[in-house]
Amino acid sequence: MHYQYTQRLSMLAAGLALLSACGGTEDVNSQGSIKLSGPVSTALAALDQSDIPSDGIVGISTILAVFPAAALEDFTNRFPGVVAEEQYRILEYQGGVAGNEVFGIEGEHADGVAEIDAVYSTAGVFISSRTGSPVAQVPAAVSDVLSSLHPDAVIDESEEWRDGNDTLIYEVELESARSEYEVTLDAGGTVLETSEVVSESMVPAAVVSGILQELPSTKSISYTRVTVNGSVTYRVEVETGDEGVDIEYSERGDIVSMTWVQDL
C-alpha cells in the first residue's frame, strides 16, 4: 500500500517537538542534504541512473546516497526480526524554498504480516515509528464513512496502523468501475486524508505543464488527487524499476513536497 505522506510528516512534527521539549536541536537541512529550489528535472531526468551524468543531473541513487548510516543501524537494532525493504527521503517546500526534510525506512517482519515505518532526521536520529498489518474487517464507524464516501466502491485492501502513542489509523484502498481510492481514517471514522487516481485531463493545467516539461515521454507518470482538511494537492508519481519519485503540487502548480523512494 502506498505510503501516506501526511502521516509521515505528522510523525516528523511530533518528533521535532519532542526534541525541542527535551532541549535538543536538529538541523533538518544538514548532514549532506540536497536543497532543491530549481526545476524538478534535476531529480527526475536520470531516474534510473546510479551516478551523476556529465550534464549534472541527479538520479535517485545519488540523492539517497547520503542516507544516514545511523538510521539503518538503528532500524536493525530497534526492530529485530524486521527486514528493511524500502528507504525514502521527503523534502518539504514552502514558497518554492526547500524546508523540512526526513529520511525513512519501511520494513516487514519475518512473519510476513507486520510492517514497520520508521522516520529519521537527516542526522539519523530516530523520530518516530508506526506498525501496520492487514485487517479483514474495519470498525463499523470506519465502514459507515467509507460507504458514504464511495457507495459504488468495494474495499480492495485495509491496513491498521498503530503509532508510538497507541493511536489507531486505518488506511483503506477501494476500487470502483470509475476509479481507485485510498482513505485514511481514525478508529472513530474521522477522515484524515482521501486520494483518488485521476486522469491527466482532471489535473490542473499548471501541474501538467510543469511536470511534462521536465519528464521524457518514456517515463511512467500517474496522477492522484489528495485531499487533507479540505485542501487539495496533486501527487505525480514516476516509477522506474525499483525506484521512483513522487512530487506533490498545489492546485496552482507550486511544489509542496518531493519524495524519493528506493527498494533495498
Protein backbone atom coordinates (compact mmCIF):
# COMPACT_ATOMS: atom_id res chain seq x y z
CA MET A 1 0.00 0.00 0.00
CA HIS A 2 1.34 3.41 -0.93
CA TYR A 3 2.75 5.41 1.95
CA GLN A 4 0.72 8.27 3.43
CA TYR A 5 2.81 11.42 3.12
CA THR A 6 0.63 13.35 5.56
CA GLN A 7 1.03 10.71 8.27
CA ARG A 8 4.80 10.67 7.88
CA LEU A 9 5.01 14.44 8.18
CA SER A 10 2.83 14.24 11.29
CA MET A 11 5.37 11.82 12.72
CA LEU A 12 8.12 14.31 11.84
CA ALA A 13 6.33 17.21 13.54
CA ALA A 14 5.75 15.20 16.70
CA GLY A 15 9.37 14.09 16.80
CA LEU A 16 10.79 17.57 16.33
CA ALA A 17 8.51 18.89 19.06
CA LEU A 18 9.82 16.19 21.39
CA LEU A 19 13.43 17.07 20.56
CA SER A 20 12.70 20.72 21.31
CA ALA A 21 10.97 19.90 24.59
CA CYS A 22 14.00 17.91 25.69
CA GLY A 23 16.31 20.79 24.90
CA GLY A 24 17.70 19.16 21.77
CA THR A 25 18.12 20.71 18.35
CA GLU A 26 18.16 19.23 14.91
CA ASP A 27 19.24 20.98 11.74
CA VAL A 28 16.95 19.29 9.26
CA ASN A 29 18.98 20.52 6.31
CA SER A 30 22.43 19.44 7.48
CA GLN A 31 24.45 16.29 7.04
CA GLY A 32 24.70 16.44 3.26
CA SER A 33 21.08 17.13 2.43
CA ILE A 34 20.32 18.47 -1.04
CA LYS A 35 18.25 21.64 -1.25
CA LEU A 36 16.26 21.78 -4.46
CA SER A 37 14.81 25.12 -5.46
CA GLY A 38 15.13 24.86 -9.21
CA PRO A 39 13.36 22.73 -11.86
CA VAL A 40 12.46 19.22 -10.82
CA SER A 41 14.35 17.84 -13.82
CA THR A 42 17.43 17.56 -11.59
CA ALA A 43 15.68 14.81 -9.67
CA LEU A 44 13.77 13.13 -12.49
CA ALA A 45 15.55 13.13 -15.80
CA ALA A 46 18.05 10.47 -14.67
CA LEU A 47 15.64 8.38 -12.66
CA ASP A 48 17.41 5.12 -13.48
CA GLN A 49 20.95 6.42 -13.13
CA SER A 50 23.16 5.47 -10.20
CA ASP A 51 25.69 8.24 -10.78
CA ILE A 52 25.62 11.91 -11.69
CA PRO A 53 25.85 12.06 -15.51
CA SER A 54 28.07 14.55 -17.32
CA ASP A 55 25.20 17.03 -17.61
CA GLY A 56 24.97 17.26 -13.80
CA ILE A 57 21.50 15.72 -13.47
CA VAL A 58 21.00 13.92 -10.18
CA GLY A 59 19.49 10.43 -10.07
CA ILE A 60 17.64 8.61 -7.29
CA SER A 61 20.59 6.53 -6.15
CA THR A 62 22.72 9.65 -5.86
CA ILE A 63 20.07 11.52 -3.89
CA LEU A 64 19.73 8.62 -1.47
CA ALA A 65 23.48 8.02 -1.27
CA VAL A 66 23.58 10.40 1.72
CA PHE A 67 21.07 8.24 3.59
CA PRO A 68 22.34 8.34 7.19
CA ALA A 69 24.08 5.10 8.14
CA ALA A 70 23.00 5.70 11.74
CA ALA A 71 19.37 5.32 10.66
CA LEU A 72 19.94 1.93 9.05
CA GLU A 73 21.88 0.75 12.12
CA ASP A 74 19.18 1.98 14.48
CA PHE A 75 16.43 0.33 12.45
CA THR A 76 18.21 -3.03 12.61
CA ASN A 77 18.73 -2.78 16.38
CA ARG A 78 15.38 -1.24 17.24
CA PHE A 79 13.25 -3.66 15.22
CA PRO A 80 14.79 -7.14 15.47
CA GLY A 81 13.21 -9.62 13.09
CA VAL A 82 12.18 -6.86 10.68
CA VAL A 83 13.79 -6.77 7.24
CA ALA A 84 14.28 -3.29 5.75
CA GLU A 85 12.71 -3.28 2.29
CA GLU A 86 12.49 0.36 1.27
CA GLN A 87 14.19 3.64 2.05
CA TYR A 88 12.81 7.08 1.29
CA ARG A 89 13.59 10.76 1.60
CA ILE A 90 10.96 13.51 1.91
CA LEU A 91 11.69 17.18 1.32
CA GLU A 92 9.02 19.80 2.02
CA TYR A 93 8.76 23.09 0.16
CA GLN A 94 7.32 26.37 1.38
CA GLY A 95 7.03 29.24 -1.06
CA GLY A 96 9.25 27.39 -3.50
CA VAL A 97 12.05 27.01 -0.95
CA ALA A 98 13.21 23.68 0.44
CA GLY A 99 12.38 23.25 4.12
CA ASN A 100 11.97 20.30 6.49
CA GLU A 101 13.48 17.02 5.42
CA VAL A 102 13.35 13.48 6.77
CA PHE A 103 14.61 10.03 5.88
CA GLY A 104 12.65 6.85 6.47
CA ILE A 105 12.74 3.08 6.27
CA GLU A 106 9.92 0.64 5.66
CA GLY A 107 10.34 -2.99 6.60
CA GLU A 108 8.42 -6.22 7.00
CA HIS A 109 8.51 -8.60 9.95
CA ALA A 110 9.71 -12.13 9.42
CA ASP A 111 6.12 -13.32 9.84
CA GLY A 112 5.33 -11.64 6.52
CA VAL A 113 2.42 -9.72 8.05
CA ALA A 114 3.51 -6.84 10.27
CA GLU A 115 5.09 -3.75 8.71
CA ILE A 116 7.23 -1.05 10.29
CA ASP A 117 7.56 2.52 9.03
CA ALA A 118 10.26 4.49 10.86
CA VAL A 119 11.19 8.14 10.34
CA TYR A 120 14.64 9.63 11.00
CA SER A 121 16.23 13.08 10.95
CA THR A 122 18.92 13.94 8.43
CA ALA A 123 21.48 13.09 11.12
CA GLY A 124 19.98 9.61 11.54
CA VAL A 125 18.23 10.38 14.84
CA PHE A 126 15.12 8.26 15.38
CA ILE A 127 11.97 10.42 15.37
CA SER A 128 9.04 8.02 15.46
CA SER A 129 7.58 4.86 14.00
CA ARG A 130 4.32 3.08 13.39
CA THR A 131 3.36 -0.56 12.98
CA GLY A 132 0.84 -1.81 10.47
CA SER A 133 -0.82 -5.03 9.41
CA PRO A 134 -3.65 -6.05 7.08
CA VAL A 135 -7.11 -6.42 8.62
CA ALA A 136 -10.03 -8.40 7.26
CA GLN A 137 -12.59 -6.02 8.73
CA VAL A 138 -12.51 -2.36 9.77
CA PRO A 139 -14.54 -0.89 12.66
CA ALA A 140 -18.19 -0.16 11.95
CA ALA A 141 -17.61 3.60 12.23
CA VAL A 142 -14.93 3.39 9.55
CA SER A 143 -17.05 1.16 7.32
CA ASP A 144 -20.02 3.54 7.54
CA VAL A 145 -17.93 6.52 6.46
CA LEU A 146 -16.41 4.59 3.57
CA SER A 147 -19.87 3.57 2.35
CA SER A 148 -20.95 7.19 2.48
CA LEU A 149 -17.89 8.48 0.63
CA HIS A 150 -17.76 5.80 -2.07
CA PRO A 151 -21.04 3.86 -2.18
CA ASP A 152 -20.20 2.23 -5.51
CA ALA A 153 -16.71 1.07 -4.49
CA VAL A 154 -15.52 -2.15 -2.88
CA ILE A 155 -12.68 -2.48 -0.40
CA ASP A 156 -9.60 -3.93 -2.02
CA GLU A 157 -7.21 -3.77 0.95
CA SER A 158 -7.27 -2.47 4.53
CA GLU A 159 -4.42 -1.87 6.94
CA GLU A 160 -4.44 -0.96 10.59
CA TRP A 161 -1.57 1.25 11.77
CA ARG A 162 -0.62 1.95 15.37
CA ASP A 163 1.83 4.72 16.27
CA GLY A 164 4.02 5.17 19.34
CA ASN A 165 1.13 6.81 21.20
CA ASP A 166 -1.04 3.74 20.60
CA THR A 167 -3.24 5.70 18.17
CA LEU A 168 -5.02 3.57 15.59
CA ILE A 169 -5.21 4.68 11.97
CA TYR A 170 -6.89 2.81 9.12
CA GLU A 171 -5.67 3.05 5.54
CA VAL A 172 -8.18 1.58 3.12
CA GLU A 173 -7.87 1.07 -0.63
CA LEU A 174 -11.11 0.93 -2.60
CA GLU A 175 -11.93 0.35 -6.25
CA SER A 176 -14.95 1.10 -8.40
CA ALA A 177 -15.66 0.84 -12.10
CA ARG A 178 -14.76 4.53 -12.35
CA SER A 179 -11.61 4.94 -10.27
CA GLU A 180 -9.34 3.84 -7.42
CA TYR A 181 -9.35 5.50 -4.00
CA GLU A 182 -7.45 5.46 -0.73
CA VAL A 183 -8.89 6.79 2.51
CA THR A 184 -7.10 7.28 5.83
CA LEU A 185 -9.32 7.44 8.94
CA ASP A 186 -9.00 7.20 12.68
CA ALA A 187 -10.82 4.48 14.62
CA GLY A 188 -13.83 6.74 15.14
CA GLY A 189 -14.33 7.28 11.43
CA THR A 190 -12.85 10.78 11.14
CA VAL A 191 -11.35 11.19 7.67
CA LEU A 192 -7.71 12.31 7.76
CA GLU A 193 -6.85 12.02 4.09
CA THR A 194 -8.50 10.91 0.87
CA SER A 195 -6.97 10.29 -2.51
CA GLU A 196 -8.24 9.34 -5.93
CA VAL A 197 -6.36 8.24 -9.02
CA VAL A 198 -7.27 10.69 -11.78
CA SER A 199 -6.57 11.07 -15.47
CA GLU A 200 -4.38 13.83 -16.83
CA SER A 201 -7.47 15.68 -18.07
CA MET A 202 -8.62 16.08 -14.44
CA VAL A 203 -5.35 17.67 -13.29
CA PRO A 204 -4.87 21.47 -13.32
CA ALA A 205 -3.03 22.69 -16.39
CA ALA A 206 -0.36 24.30 -14.20
CA VAL A 207 0.55 20.91 -12.75
CA VAL A 208 0.52 19.05 -16.06
CA SER A 209 2.54 21.65 -17.94
CA GLY A 210 5.11 21.80 -15.18
CA ILE A 211 5.71 18.07 -14.97
CA LEU A 212 5.57 17.36 -18.70
CA GLN A 213 8.25 19.96 -19.35
CA GLU A 214 10.58 18.07 -17.03
CA LEU A 215 9.95 14.44 -17.95
CA PRO A 216 10.87 12.44 -21.03
CA SER A 217 7.84 10.85 -22.64
CA THR A 218 9.19 7.39 -21.83
CA LYS A 219 8.67 7.81 -18.09
CA SER A 220 5.65 6.25 -16.42
CA ILE A 221 3.53 9.00 -14.87
CA SER A 222 0.37 8.69 -12.76
CA TYR A 223 -1.73 11.37 -11.08
CA THR A 224 -3.53 11.29 -7.74
CA ARG A 225 -5.75 13.99 -6.25
CA VAL A 226 -5.18 14.22 -2.47
CA THR A 227 -7.47 16.00 -0.02
CA VAL A 228 -6.49 16.81 3.58
CA ASN A 229 -8.73 19.04 5.71
CA GLY A 230 -10.35 20.44 2.59
CA SER A 231 -7.01 21.33 0.99
CA VAL A 232 -6.37 19.69 -2.39
CA THR A 233 -2.99 18.78 -3.82
CA TYR A 234 -1.94 16.61 -6.74
CA ARG A 235 0.61 13.85 -6.43
CA VAL A 236 2.58 12.98 -9.54
CA GLU A 237 4.17 9.54 -9.29
CA VAL A 238 7.06 8.50 -11.50
CA GLU A 239 8.40 4.96 -11.28
CA THR A 240 11.20 3.09 -12.99
CA GLY A 241 12.02 -0.41 -11.79
CA ASP A 242 12.75 -0.44 -8.07
CA GLU A 243 12.89 3.32 -7.57
CA GLY A 244 10.68 6.34 -8.03
CA VAL A 245 9.88 9.96 -7.28
CA ASP A 246 6.63 11.43 -6.01
CA ILE A 247 6.04 15.16 -6.41
CA GLU A 248 3.21 16.86 -4.56
CA TYR A 249 1.84 20.00 -6.24
CA SER A 250 -0.62 22.64 -5.11
CA GLU A 251 -3.55 23.40 -7.39
CA ARG A 252 -1.58 26.41 -8.64
CA GLY A 253 1.31 24.21 -9.70
CA ASP A 254 3.69 25.00 -6.83
CA ILE A 255 5.78 22.13 -5.47
CA VAL A 256 4.66 21.14 -1.96
CA SER A 257 6.98 18.18 -1.41
CA MET A 258 9.22 15.68 -3.14
CA THR A 259 9.76 12.08 -2.08
CA TRP A 260 12.45 9.78 -3.40
CA VAL A 261 11.91 6.04 -2.88
CA GLN A 262 14.19 3.10 -3.48
CA ASP A 263 13.81 -0.61 -2.78
CA LEU A 264 16.57 -2.19 -0.71
